[in-house]
Amino acid sequence: MAAQIAINNFRTVTQIVPLSTTEIYTAPTGYTSVFLLAQCTNIGNQTYTINFNYKRGSTETEIVKNFPIPAGDTVNLLPGKLVLETGDKISVSGSNAANLKFLVSILETSNF
């Protein structure tokens, strides 16, 4: 019996935001990914900034750049949906490597 491919996969990705730009998600082959939620929480005692980027091929687009997040606050980085095709990437970086926590909810839908 052939293996079955899931039509829809829901995923949650969490990441402590690093100082240098780090790819945290790549849309898998055969799926279209829809980012339903992207947020960042600052658990520190001062304001820090976050960068949230989308990349297709060699073109990188900043969704937010040096976006300030006050101490003890959470921000929604994506007010709408973001669609990624196979191979598209998401990356993050921030001004503090311990106090920024990034979270995304993703729906991966099969293209088969």
PDB file of N, CA and C in Angstrom:
ATOM      1  N   MET A   1       0.846  -1.175   0.000  1.00  0.00           N
ATOM      2  CA  MET A   1       0.000   0.000   0.000  1.00  0.00           C
ATOM      3  C   MET A   1       0.895   1.243   0.000  1.00  0.00           C
ATOM      4  N   ALA A   2       0.609   2.169  -0.866  1.00  0.00           N
ATOM      5  CA  ALA A   2       1.399   3.397  -0.976  1.00  0.00           C
ATOM      6  C   ALA A   2       1.153   4.305   0.229  1.00  0.00           C
ATOM      7  N   ALA A   3       2.207   5.025   0.606  1.00  0.00           N
ATOM      8  CA  ALA A   3       2.077   5.970   1.714  1.00  0.00           C
ATOM      9  C   ALA A   3       1.156   7.101   1.309  1.00  0.00           C
ATOM     10  N   GLN A   4       0.335   7.529   2.224  1.00  0.00           N
ATOM     11  CA  GLN A   4      -0.576   8.636   1.954  1.00  0.00           C
ATOM     12  C   GLN A   4       0.059   9.942   2.384  1.00  0.00           C
ATOM     13  N   ILE A   5      -0.208  10.981   1.602  1.00  0.00           N
ATOM     14  CA  ILE A   5       0.296  12.316   1.914  1.00  0.00           C
ATOM     15  C   ILE A   5      -0.827  13.099   2.575  1.00  0.00           C
ATOM     16  N   ALA A   6      -0.525  13.731   3.679  1.00  0.00           N
ATOM     17  CA  ALA A   6      -1.530  14.549   4.359  1.00  0.00           C
ATOM     18  C   ALA A   6      -1.893  15.738   3.481  1.00  0.00           C
ATOM     19  N   ILE A   7      -3.168  16.036   3.403  1.00  0.00           N
ATOM     20  CA  ILE A   7      -3.623  17.180   2.614  1.00  0.00           C
ATOM     21  C   ILE A   7      -3.310  18.477   3.344  1.00  0.00           C
ATOM     22  N   ASN A   8      -3.572  18.510   4.631  1.00  0.00           N
ATOM     23  CA  ASN A   8      -3.321  19.706   5.443  1.00  0.00           C
ATOM     24  C   ASN A   8      -2.515  19.335   6.682  1.00  0.00           C
ATOM     25  N   ASN A   9      -1.456  20.078   6.925  1.00  0.00           N
ATOM     26  CA  ASN A   9      -0.659  19.931   8.142  1.00  0.00           C
ATOM     27  C   ASN A   9      -0.662  21.268   8.861  1.00  0.00           C
ATOM     28  N   PHE A  10      -0.993  21.258  10.131  1.00  0.00           N
ATOM     29  CA  PHE A  10      -0.868  22.456  10.951  1.00  0.00           C
ATOM     30  C   PHE A  10       0.430  22.355  11.733  1.00  0.00           C
ATOM     31  N   ARG A  11       1.209  23.435  11.746  1.00  0.00           N
ATOM     32  CA  ARG A  11       2.495  23.449  12.444  1.00  0.00           C
ATOM     33  C   ARG A  11       2.614  24.703  13.278  1.00  0.00           C
ATOM     34  N   THR A  12       3.324  24.568  14.358  1.00  0.00           N
ATOM     35  CA  THR A  12       3.705  25.713  15.181  1.00  0.00           C
ATOM     36  C   THR A  12       5.219  25.688  15.291  1.00  0.00           C
ATOM     37  N   VAL A  13       5.836  26.827  15.015  1.00  0.00           N
ATOM     38  CA  VAL A  13       7.288  26.946  15.109  1.00  0.00           C
ATOM     39  C   VAL A  13       7.595  28.022  16.146  1.00  0.00           C
ATOM     40  N   THR A  14       8.479  27.685  17.087  1.00  0.00           N
ATOM     41  CA  THR A  14       8.910  28.656  18.085  1.00  0.00           C
ATOM     42  C   THR A  14      10.422  28.808  17.991  1.00  0.00           C
ATOM     43  N   GLN A  15      10.897  29.976  18.364  1.00  0.00           N
ATOM     44  CA  GLN A  15      12.330  30.265  18.239  1.00  0.00           C
ATOM     45  C   GLN A  15      12.703  31.387  19.188  1.00  0.00           C
ATOM     46  N   ILE A  16      13.792  31.222  19.946  1.00  0.00           N
ATOM     47  CA  ILE A  16      14.402  32.353  20.625  1.00  0.00           C
ATOM     48  C   ILE A  16      15.078  33.156  19.523  1.00  0.00           C
ATOM     49  N   VAL A  17      14.778  34.436  19.427  1.00  0.00           N
ATOM     50  CA  VAL A  17      15.278  35.252  18.320  1.00  0.00           C
ATOM     51  C   VAL A  17      16.785  35.468  18.475  1.00  0.00           C
ATOM     52  N   PRO A  18      17.574  35.067  17.475  1.00  0.00           N
ATOM     53  CA  PRO A  18      19.029  35.234  17.535  1.00  0.00           C
ATOM     54  C   PRO A  18      19.457  36.639  17.101  1.00  0.00           C
ATOM     55  N   LEU A  19      20.713  36.980  17.385  1.00  0.00           N
ATOM     56  CA  LEU A  19      21.251  38.279  16.970  1.00  0.00           C
ATOM     57  C   LEU A  19      21.479  38.333  15.461  1.00  0.00           C
ATOM     58  N   SER A  20      21.927  37.236  14.869  1.00  0.00           N
ATOM     59  CA  SER A  20      22.180  37.219  13.430  1.00  0.00           C
ATOM     60  C   SER A  20      20.979  36.607  12.709  1.00  0.00           C
ATOM     61  N   THR A  21      20.767  37.019  11.472  1.00  0.00           N
ATOM     62  CA  THR A  21      19.632  36.533  10.687  1.00  0.00           C
ATOM     63  C   THR A  21      19.702  35.019  10.532  1.00  0.00           C
ATOM     64  N   THR A  22      18.626  34.351  10.943  1.00  0.00           N
ATOM     65  CA  THR A  22      18.561  32.897  10.935  1.00  0.00           C
ATOM     66  C   THR A  22      17.265  32.452  10.271  1.00  0.00           C
ATOM     67  N   GLU A  23      17.375  31.558   9.293  1.00  0.00           N
ATOM     68  CA  GLU A  23      16.184  31.004   8.655  1.00  0.00           C
ATOM     69  C   GLU A  23      15.526  30.038   9.626  1.00  0.00           C
ATOM     70  N   ILE A  24      14.232  30.248   9.854  1.00  0.00           N
ATOM     71  CA  ILE A  24      13.517  29.400  10.810  1.00  0.00           C
ATOM     72  C   ILE A  24      12.484  28.503  10.153  1.00  0.00           C
ATOM     73  N   TYR A  25      12.177  28.780   8.868  1.00  0.00           N
ATOM     74  CA  TYR A  25      11.178  27.959   8.182  1.00  0.00           C
ATOM     75  C   TYR A  25      11.412  28.027   6.682  1.00  0.00           C
ATOM     76  N   THR A  26      11.288  26.869   6.041  1.00  0.00           N
ATOM     77  CA  THR A  26      11.320  26.776   4.585  1.00  0.00           C
ATOM     78  C   THR A  26      10.083  25.999   4.157  1.00  0.00           C
ATOM     79  N   ALA A  27       9.318  26.555   3.221  1.00  0.00           N
ATOM     80  CA  ALA A  27       8.112  25.869   2.740  1.00  0.00           C
ATOM     81  C   ALA A  27       8.519  24.561   2.057  1.00  0.00           C
ATOM     82  N   PRO A  28       7.925  23.436   2.479  1.00  0.00           N
ATOM     83  CA  PRO A  28       8.346  22.139   1.951  1.00  0.00           C
ATOM     84  C   PRO A  28       7.891  21.895   0.512  1.00  0.00           C
ATOM     85  N   THR A  29       8.594  20.999  -0.150  1.00  0.00           N
ATOM     86  CA  THR A  29       8.258  20.606  -1.518  1.00  0.00           C
ATOM     87  C   THR A  29       6.862  19.993  -1.549  1.00  0.00           C
ATOM     88  N   GLY A  30       6.070  20.439  -2.517  1.00  0.00           N
ATOM     89  CA  GLY A  30       4.736  19.876  -2.693  1.00  0.00           C
ATOM     90  C   GLY A  30       3.661  20.509  -1.839  1.00  0.00           C
ATOM     91  N   TYR A  31       4.010  21.537  -1.081  1.00  0.00           N
ATOM     92  CA  TYR A  31       3.042  22.193  -0.202  1.00  0.00           C
ATOM     93  C   TYR A  31       3.075  23.706  -0.390  1.00  0.00           C
ATOM     94  N   THR A  32       1.929  24.326  -0.207  1.00  0.00           N
ATOM     95  CA  THR A  32       1.826  25.771  -0.074  1.00  0.00           C
ATOM     96  C   THR A  32       1.613  26.021   1.410  1.00  0.00           C
ATOM     97  N   SER A  33       2.373  26.940   1.968  1.00  0.00           N
ATOM     98  CA  SER A  33       2.285  27.227   3.397  1.00  0.00           C
ATOM     99  C   SER A  33       1.607  28.564   3.611  1.00  0.00           C
ATOM    100  N   VAL A  34       0.673  28.587   4.537  1.00  0.00           N
ATOM    101  CA  VAL A  34      -0.025  29.824   4.880  1.00  0.00           C
ATOM    102  C   VAL A  34       0.303  30.157   6.337  1.00  0.00           C
ATOM    103  N   PHE A  35       0.959  31.295   6.527  1.00  0.00           N
ATOM    104  CA  PHE A  35       1.245  31.757   7.882  1.00  0.00           C
ATOM    105  C   PHE A  35      -0.012  32.411   8.424  1.00  0.00           C
ATOM    106  N   LEU A  36      -0.564  31.834   9.475  1.00  0.00           N
ATOM    107  CA  LEU A  36      -1.801  32.320  10.065  1.00  0.00           C
ATOM    108  C   LEU A  36      -1.544  33.338  11.168  1.00  0.00           C
ATOM    109  N   LEU A  37      -0.400  33.204  11.834  1.00  0.00           N
ATOM    110  CA  LEU A  37      -0.052  34.058  12.964  1.00  0.00           C
ATOM    111  C   LEU A  37       1.452  34.153  13.052  1.00  0.00           C
ATOM    112  N   ALA A  38       1.956  35.331  13.339  1.00  0.00           N
ATOM    113  CA  ALA A  38       3.382  35.525  13.630  1.00  0.00           C
ATOM    114  C   ALA A  38       3.469  36.583  14.715  1.00  0.00           C
ATOM    115  N   GLN A  39       4.040  36.211  15.842  1.00  0.00           N
ATOM    116  CA  GLN A  39       4.152  37.175  16.932  1.00  0.00           C
ATOM    117  C   GLN A  39       5.470  37.004  17.656  1.00  0.00           C
ATOM    118  N   CYS A  40       5.839  38.049  18.390  1.00  0.00           N
ATOM    119  CA  CYS A  40       7.066  38.026  19.169  1.00  0.00           C
ATOM    120  C   CYS A  40       6.786  38.623  20.536  1.00  0.00           C
ATOM    121  N   THR A  41       7.315  37.977  21.558  1.00  0.00           N
ATOM    122  CA  THR A  41       7.161  38.435  22.930  1.00  0.00           C
ATOM    123  C   THR A  41       8.523  38.839  23.480  1.00  0.00           C
ATOM    124  N   ASN A  42       8.547  39.982  24.149  1.00  0.00           N
ATOM    125  CA  ASN A  42       9.751  40.469  24.817  1.00  0.00           C
ATOM    126  C   ASN A  42       9.596  40.180  26.302  1.00  0.00           C
ATOM    127  N   ILE A  43      10.375  39.219  26.814  1.00  0.00           N
ATOM    128  CA  ILE A  43      10.287  38.859  28.230  1.00  0.00           C
ATOM    129  C   ILE A  43      11.308  39.640  29.068  1.00  0.00           C
ATOM    130  N   GLY A  44      12.032  40.536  28.423  1.00  0.00           N
ATOM    131  CA  GLY A  44      13.063  41.306  29.110  1.00  0.00           C
ATOM    132  C   GLY A  44      12.533  42.539  29.819  1.00  0.00           C
ATOM    133  N   ASN A  45      13.470  43.339  30.345  1.00  0.00           N
ATOM    134  CA  ASN A  45      13.137  44.525  31.126  1.00  0.00           C
ATOM    135  C   ASN A  45      13.373  45.830  30.376  1.00  0.00           C
ATOM    136  N   GLN A  46      13.691  45.733  29.070  1.00  0.00           N
ATOM    137  CA  GLN A  46      13.841  46.944  28.262  1.00  0.00           C
ATOM    138  C   GLN A  46      13.359  46.650  26.846  1.00  0.00           C
ATOM    139  N   THR A  47      13.200  47.703  26.050  1.00  0.00           N
ATOM    140  CA  THR A  47      12.736  47.551  24.681  1.00  0.00           C
ATOM    141  C   THR A  47      13.835  46.938  23.809  1.00  0.00           C
ATOM    142  N   TYR A  48      13.439  45.934  22.989  1.00  0.00           N
ATOM    143  CA  TYR A  48      14.330  45.325  22.008  1.00  0.00           C
ATOM    144  C   TYR A  48      13.648  45.378  20.649  1.00  0.00           C
ATOM    145  N   THR A  49      14.422  45.143  19.582  1.00  0.00           N
ATOM    146  CA  THR A  49      13.859  45.181  18.233  1.00  0.00           C
ATOM    147  C   THR A  49      13.958  43.823  17.563  1.00  0.00           C
ATOM    148  N   ILE A  50      13.066  43.614  16.576  1.00  0.00           N
ATOM    149  CA  ILE A  50      13.063  42.371  15.806  1.00  0.00           C
ATOM    150  C   ILE A  50      13.039  42.695  14.319  1.00  0.00           C
ATOM    151  N   ASN A  51      13.655  41.805  13.538  1.00  0.00           N
ATOM    152  CA  ASN A  51      13.578  41.819  12.084  1.00  0.00           C
ATOM    153  C   ASN A  51      12.920  40.508  11.663  1.00  0.00           C
ATOM    154  N   PHE A  52      11.957  40.593  10.745  1.00  0.00           N
ATOM    155  CA  PHE A  52      11.187  39.441  10.278  1.00  0.00           C
ATOM    156  C   PHE A  52      11.179  39.534   8.755  1.00  0.00           C
ATOM    157  N   ASN A  53      11.780  38.541   8.073  1.00  0.00           N
ATOM    158  CA  ASN A  53      12.013  38.620   6.632  1.00  0.00           C
ATOM    159  C   ASN A  53      11.431  37.436   5.875  1.00  0.00           C
ATOM    160  N   TYR A  54      11.055  37.707   4.630  1.00  0.00           N
ATOM    161  CA  TYR A  54      10.567  36.705   3.689  1.00  0.00           C
ATOM    162  C   TYR A  54      11.557  36.626   2.536  1.00  0.00           C
ATOM    163  N   LYS A  55      11.871  35.400   2.078  1.00  0.00           N
ATOM    164  CA  LYS A  55      12.842  35.257   0.998  1.00  0.00           C
ATOM    165  C   LYS A  55      12.343  34.265  -0.043  1.00  0.00           C
ATOM    166  N   ARG A  56      12.371  34.708  -1.306  1.00  0.00           N
ATOM    167  CA  ARG A  56      12.093  33.824  -2.440  1.00  0.00           C
ATOM    168  C   ARG A  56      13.284  33.923  -3.374  1.00  0.00           C
ATOM    169  N   GLY A  57      13.945  32.785  -3.599  1.00  0.00           N
ATOM    170  CA  GLY A  57      15.146  32.791  -4.425  1.00  0.00           C
ATOM    171  C   GLY A  57      16.207  33.669  -3.788  1.00  0.00           C
ATOM    172  N   SER A  58      16.716  34.637  -4.535  1.00  0.00           N
ATOM    173  CA  SER A  58      17.738  35.536  -3.995  1.00  0.00           C
ATOM    174  C   SER A  58      17.153  36.869  -3.530  1.00  0.00           C
ATOM    175  N   THR A  59      15.825  37.017  -3.598  1.00  0.00           N
ATOM    176  CA  THR A  59      15.185  38.264  -3.195  1.00  0.00           C
ATOM    177  C   THR A  59      14.655  38.162  -1.774  1.00  0.00           C
ATOM    178  N   GLU A  60      15.175  39.011  -0.896  1.00  0.00           N
ATOM    179  CA  GLU A  60      14.724  39.040   0.492  1.00  0.00           C
ATOM    180  C   GLU A  60      13.920  40.312   0.723  1.00  0.00           C
ATOM    181  N   THR A  61      12.766  40.157   1.365  1.00  0.00           N
ATOM    182  CA  THR A  61      11.875  41.273   1.640  1.00  0.00           C
ATOM    183  C   THR A  61      11.656  41.377   3.141  1.00  0.00           C
ATOM    184  N   GLU A  62      11.875  42.565   3.679  1.00  0.00           N
ATOM    185  CA  GLU A  62      11.646  42.797   5.096  1.00  0.00           C
ATOM    186  C   GLU A  62      10.148  42.959   5.347  1.00  0.00           C
ATOM    187  N   ILE A  63       9.615  42.163   6.239  1.00  0.00           N
ATOM    188  CA  ILE A  63       8.223  42.328   6.658  1.00  0.00           C
ATOM    189  C   ILE A  63       8.181  43.385   7.755  1.00  0.00           C
ATOM    190  N   VAL A  64       9.073  43.260   8.728  1.00  0.00           N
ATOM    191  CA  VAL A  64       9.324  44.329   9.706  1.00  0.00           C
ATOM    192  C   VAL A  64      10.833  44.436   9.881  1.00  0.00           C
ATOM    193  N   LYS A  65      11.309  45.665  10.084  1.00  0.00           N
ATOM    194  CA  LYS A  65      12.741  45.895  10.258  1.00  0.00           C
ATOM    195  C   LYS A  65      12.956  46.794  11.471  1.00  0.00           C
ATOM    196  N   ASN A  66      13.785  46.319  12.401  1.00  0.00           N
ATOM    197  CA  ASN A  66      14.073  47.050  13.638  1.00  0.00           C
ATOM    198  C   ASN A  66      12.789  47.491  14.337  1.00  0.00           C
ATOM    199  N   PHE A  67      11.830  46.575  14.408  1.00  0.00           N
ATOM    200  CA  PHE A  67      10.540  46.860  15.023  1.00  0.00           C
ATOM    201  C   PHE A  67      10.674  46.779  16.545  1.00  0.00           C
ATOM    202  N   PRO A  68      10.372  47.876  17.256  1.00  0.00           N
ATOM    203  CA  PRO A  68      10.550  47.874  18.710  1.00  0.00           C
ATOM    204  C   PRO A  68       9.439  47.117  19.435  1.00  0.00           C
ATOM    205  N   ILE A  69       9.860  46.316  20.407  1.00  0.00           N
ATOM    206  CA  ILE A  69       8.910  45.595  21.264  1.00  0.00           C
ATOM    207  C   ILE A  69       9.202  46.012  22.698  1.00  0.00           C
ATOM    208  N   PRO A  70       8.267  46.725  23.338  1.00  0.00           N
ATOM    209  CA  PRO A  70       8.486  47.167  24.714  1.00  0.00           C
ATOM    210  C   PRO A  70       8.655  45.993  25.683  1.00  0.00           C
ATOM    211  N   ALA A  71       9.313  46.239  26.786  1.00  0.00           N
ATOM    212  CA  ALA A  71       9.513  45.223  27.825  1.00  0.00           C
ATOM    213  C   ALA A  71       8.176  44.634  28.247  1.00  0.00           C
ATOM    214  N   GLY A  72       8.143  43.311  28.347  1.00  0.00           N
ATOM    215  CA  GLY A  72       6.952  42.622  28.822  1.00  0.00           C
ATOM    216  C   GLY A  72       5.772  42.654  27.869  1.00  0.00           C
ATOM    217  N   ASP A  73       5.996  42.965  26.604  1.00  0.00           N
ATOM    218  CA  ASP A  73       4.902  43.100  25.648  1.00  0.00           C
ATOM    219  C   ASP A  73       5.021  42.061  24.528  1.00  0.00           C
ATOM    220  N   THR A  74       3.922  41.844  23.819  1.00  0.00           N
ATOM    221  CA  THR A  74       3.868  40.962  22.659  1.00  0.00           C
ATOM    222  C   THR A  74       3.331  41.751  21.484  1.00  0.00           C
ATOM    223  N   VAL A  75       3.925  41.546  20.297  1.00  0.00           N
ATOM    224  CA  VAL A  75       3.442  42.225  19.096  1.00  0.00           C
ATOM    225  C   VAL A  75       3.062  41.204  18.031  1.00  0.00           C
ATOM    226  N   ASN A  76       2.040  41.562  17.260  1.00  0.00           N
ATOM    227  CA  ASN A  76       1.636  40.778  16.108  1.00  0.00           C
ATOM    228  C   ASN A  76       2.423  41.296  14.921  1.00  0.00           C
ATOM    229  N   LEU A  77       3.262  40.474  14.339  1.00  0.00           N
ATOM    230  CA  LEU A  77       4.126  40.896  13.239  1.00  0.00           C
ATOM    231  C   LEU A  77       3.481  40.730  11.876  1.00  0.00           C
ATOM    232  N   LEU A  78       2.347  40.076  11.819  1.00  0.00           N
ATOM    233  CA  LEU A  78       1.702  39.768  10.554  1.00  0.00           C
ATOM    234  C   LEU A  78       0.201  40.017  10.688  1.00  0.00           C
ATOM    235  N   PRO A  79      -0.271  41.201  10.299  1.00  0.00           N
ATOM    236  CA  PRO A  79      -1.688  41.517  10.485  1.00  0.00           C
ATOM    237  C   PRO A  79      -2.627  40.747   9.556  1.00  0.00           C
ATOM    238  N   GLY A  80      -2.085  40.116   8.512  1.00  0.00           N
ATOM    239  CA  GLY A  80      -2.887  39.300   7.598  1.00  0.00           C
ATOM    240  C   GLY A  80      -2.221  37.962   7.401  1.00  0.00           C
ATOM    241  N   LYS A  81      -2.605  37.252   6.357  1.00  0.00           N
ATOM    242  CA  LYS A  81      -1.995  35.966   6.040  1.00  0.00           C
ATOM    243  C   LYS A  81      -0.791  36.178   5.119  1.00  0.00           C
ATOM    244  N   LEU A  82       0.155  35.251   5.157  1.00  0.00           N
ATOM    245  CA  LEU A  82       1.311  35.269   4.276  1.00  0.00           C
ATOM    246  C   LEU A  82       1.418  33.892   3.633  1.00  0.00           C
ATOM    247  N   VAL A  83       1.427  33.837   2.294  1.00  0.00           N
ATOM    248  CA  VAL A  83       1.485  32.581   1.562  1.00  0.00           C
ATOM    249  C   VAL A  83       2.909  32.346   1.081  1.00  0.00           C
ATOM    250  N   LEU A  84       3.433  31.158   1.368  1.00  0.00           N
ATOM    251  CA  LEU A  84       4.763  30.757   0.914  1.00  0.00           C
ATOM    252  C   LEU A  84       4.626  29.581  -0.034  1.00  0.00           C
ATOM    253  N   GLU A  85       5.342  29.650  -1.148  1.00  0.00           N
ATOM    254  CA  GLU A  85       5.402  28.544  -2.084  1.00  0.00           C
ATOM    255  C   GLU A  85       6.636  27.702  -1.787  1.00  0.00           C
ATOM    256  N   THR A  86       6.712  26.522  -2.369  1.00  0.00           N
ATOM    257  CA  THR A  86       7.831  25.617  -2.143  1.00  0.00           C
ATOM    258  C   THR A  86       9.164  26.354  -2.221  1.00  0.00           C
ATOM    259  N   GLY A  87       9.984  26.193  -1.189  1.00  0.00           N
ATOM    260  CA  GLY A  87      11.320  26.784  -1.153  1.00  0.00           C
ATOM    261  C   GLY A  87      11.395  28.189  -0.584  1.00  0.00           C
ATOM    262  N   ASP A  88      10.256  28.884  -0.439  1.00  0.00           N
ATOM    263  CA  ASP A  88      10.280  30.209   0.186  1.00  0.00           C
ATOM    264  C   ASP A  88      10.711  30.062   1.637  1.00  0.00           C
ATOM    265  N   LYS A  89      11.385  31.092   2.169  1.00  0.00           N
ATOM    266  CA  LYS A  89      11.957  31.018   3.515  1.00  0.00           C
ATOM    267  C   LYS A  89      11.537  32.203   4.374  1.00  0.00           C
ATOM    268  N   ILE A  90      11.526  31.966   5.680  1.00  0.00           N
ATOM    269  CA  ILE A  90      11.289  33.013   6.671  1.00  0.00           C
ATOM    270  C   ILE A  90      12.495  33.048   7.595  1.00  0.00           C
ATOM    271  N   SER A  91      12.948  34.262   7.915  1.00  0.00           N
ATOM    272  CA  SER A  91      14.078  34.401   8.840  1.00  0.00           C
ATOM    273  C   SER A  91      13.775  35.500   9.857  1.00  0.00           C
ATOM    274  N   VAL A  92      14.471  35.429  10.985  1.00  0.00           N
ATOM    275  CA  VAL A  92      14.329  36.430  12.044  1.00  0.00           C
ATOM    276  C   VAL A  92      15.704  36.778  12.605  1.00  0.00           C
ATOM    277  N   SER A  93      15.781  37.953  13.203  1.00  0.00           N
ATOM    278  CA  SER A  93      16.935  38.365  14.000  1.00  0.00           C
ATOM    279  C   SER A  93      16.438  39.461  14.937  1.00  0.00           C
ATOM    280  N   GLY A  94      17.212  39.725  15.975  1.00  0.00           N
ATOM    281  CA  GLY A  94      16.792  40.744  16.932  1.00  0.00           C
ATOM    282  C   GLY A  94      17.970  41.391  17.626  1.00  0.00           C
ATOM    283  N   SER A  95      17.650  42.345  18.470  1.00  0.00           N
ATOM    284  CA  SER A  95      18.689  43.099  19.168  1.00  0.00           C
ATOM    285  C   SER A  95      19.080  42.469  20.501  1.00  0.00           C
ATOM    286  N   ASN A  96      18.458  41.326  20.850  1.00  0.00           N
ATOM    287  CA  ASN A  96      18.790  40.625  22.081  1.00  0.00           C
ATOM    288  C   ASN A  96      18.620  39.141  21.830  1.00  0.00           C
ATOM    289  N   ALA A  97      19.580  38.334  22.255  1.00  0.00           N
ATOM    290  CA  ALA A  97      19.556  36.900  21.949  1.00  0.00           C
ATOM    291  C   ALA A  97      18.950  36.042  23.049  1.00  0.00           C
ATOM    292  N   ALA A  98      18.325  36.646  24.042  1.00  0.00           N
ATOM    293  CA  ALA A  98      17.762  35.845  25.122  1.00  0.00           C
ATOM    294  C   ALA A  98      16.324  36.202  25.466  1.00  0.00           C
ATOM    295  N   ASN A  99      15.889  37.403  25.173  1.00  0.00           N
ATOM    296  CA  ASN A  99      14.603  37.880  25.674  1.00  0.00           C
ATOM    297  C   ASN A  99      13.493  38.025  24.639  1.00  0.00           C
ATOM    298  N   LEU A 100      13.761  37.693  23.390  1.00  0.00           N
ATOM    299  CA  LEU A 100      12.730  37.778  22.356  1.00  0.00           C
ATOM    300  C   LEU A 100      12.323  36.364  21.940  1.00  0.00           C
ATOM    301  N   LYS A 101      11.040  36.058  22.084  1.00  0.00           N
ATOM    302  CA  LYS A 101      10.518  34.739  21.736  1.00  0.00           C
ATOM    303  C   LYS A 101       9.542  34.885  20.574  1.00  0.00           C
ATOM    304  N   PHE A 102       9.839  34.162  19.484  1.00  0.00           N
ATOM    305  CA  PHE A 102       9.082  34.246  18.241  1.00  0.00           C
ATOM    306  C   PHE A 102       8.199  33.009  18.102  1.00  0.00           C
ATOM    307  N   LEU A 103       6.979  33.201  17.595  1.00  0.00           N
ATOM    308  CA  LEU A 103       6.026  32.110  17.435  1.00  0.00           C
ATOM    309  C   LEU A 103       5.250  32.300  16.134  1.00  0.00           C
ATOM    310  N   VAL A 104       5.130  31.232  15.335  1.00  0.00           N
ATOM    311  CA  VAL A 104       4.286  31.269  14.142  1.00  0.00           C
ATOM    312  C   VAL A 104       3.392  30.033  14.094  1.00  0.00           C
ATOM    313  N   SER A 105       2.191  30.226  13.544  1.00  0.00           N
ATOM    314  CA  SER A 105       1.274  29.126  13.262  1.00  0.00           C
ATOM    315  C   SER A 105       1.147  29.032  11.752  1.00  0.00           C
ATOM    316  N   ILE A 106       1.280  27.813  11.227  1.00  0.00           N
ATOM    317  CA  ILE A 106       1.356  27.605   9.788  1.00  0.00           C
ATOM    318  C   ILE A 106       0.385  26.501   9.375  1.00  0.00           C
ATOM    319  N   LEU A 107      -0.277  26.724   8.237  1.00  0.00           N
ATOM    320  CA  LEU A 107      -1.071  25.682   7.598  1.00  0.00           C
ATOM    321  C   LEU A 107      -0.354  25.298   6.308  1.00  0.00           C
ATOM    322  N   GLU A 108       0.080  24.050   6.212  1.00  0.00           N
ATOM    323  CA  GLU A 108       0.710  23.539   4.992  1.00  0.00           C
ATOM    324  C   GLU A 108      -0.339  22.724   4.245  1.00  0.00           C
ATOM    325  N   THR A 109      -0.610  23.121   2.987  1.00  0.00           N
ATOM    326  CA  THR A 109      -1.623  22.470   2.168  1.00  0.00           C
ATOM    327  C   THR A 109      -0.959  21.789   0.973  1.00  0.00           C
ATOM    328  N   SER A 110      -1.273  20.519   0.770  1.00  0.00           N
ATOM    329  CA  SER A 110      -0.673  19.742  -0.301  1.00  0.00           C
ATOM    330  C   SER A 110      -1.039  20.302  -1.668  1.00  0.00           C
ATOM    331  N   ASN A 111      -0.061  20.320  -2.583  1.00  0.00           N
ATOM    332  CA  ASN A 111      -0.296  20.742  -3.960  1.00  0.00           C
ATOM    333  C   ASN A 111      -0.581  19.553  -4.871  1.00  0.00           C
ATOM    334  N   PHE A 112      -0.631  18.334  -4.325  1.00  0.00           N
ATOM    335  CA  PHE A 112      -0.835  17.123  -5.139  1.00  0.00           C
ATOM    336  C   PHE A 112      -2.300  16.802  -5.276  1.00  0.00           C
TER     337      PHE A 112
END
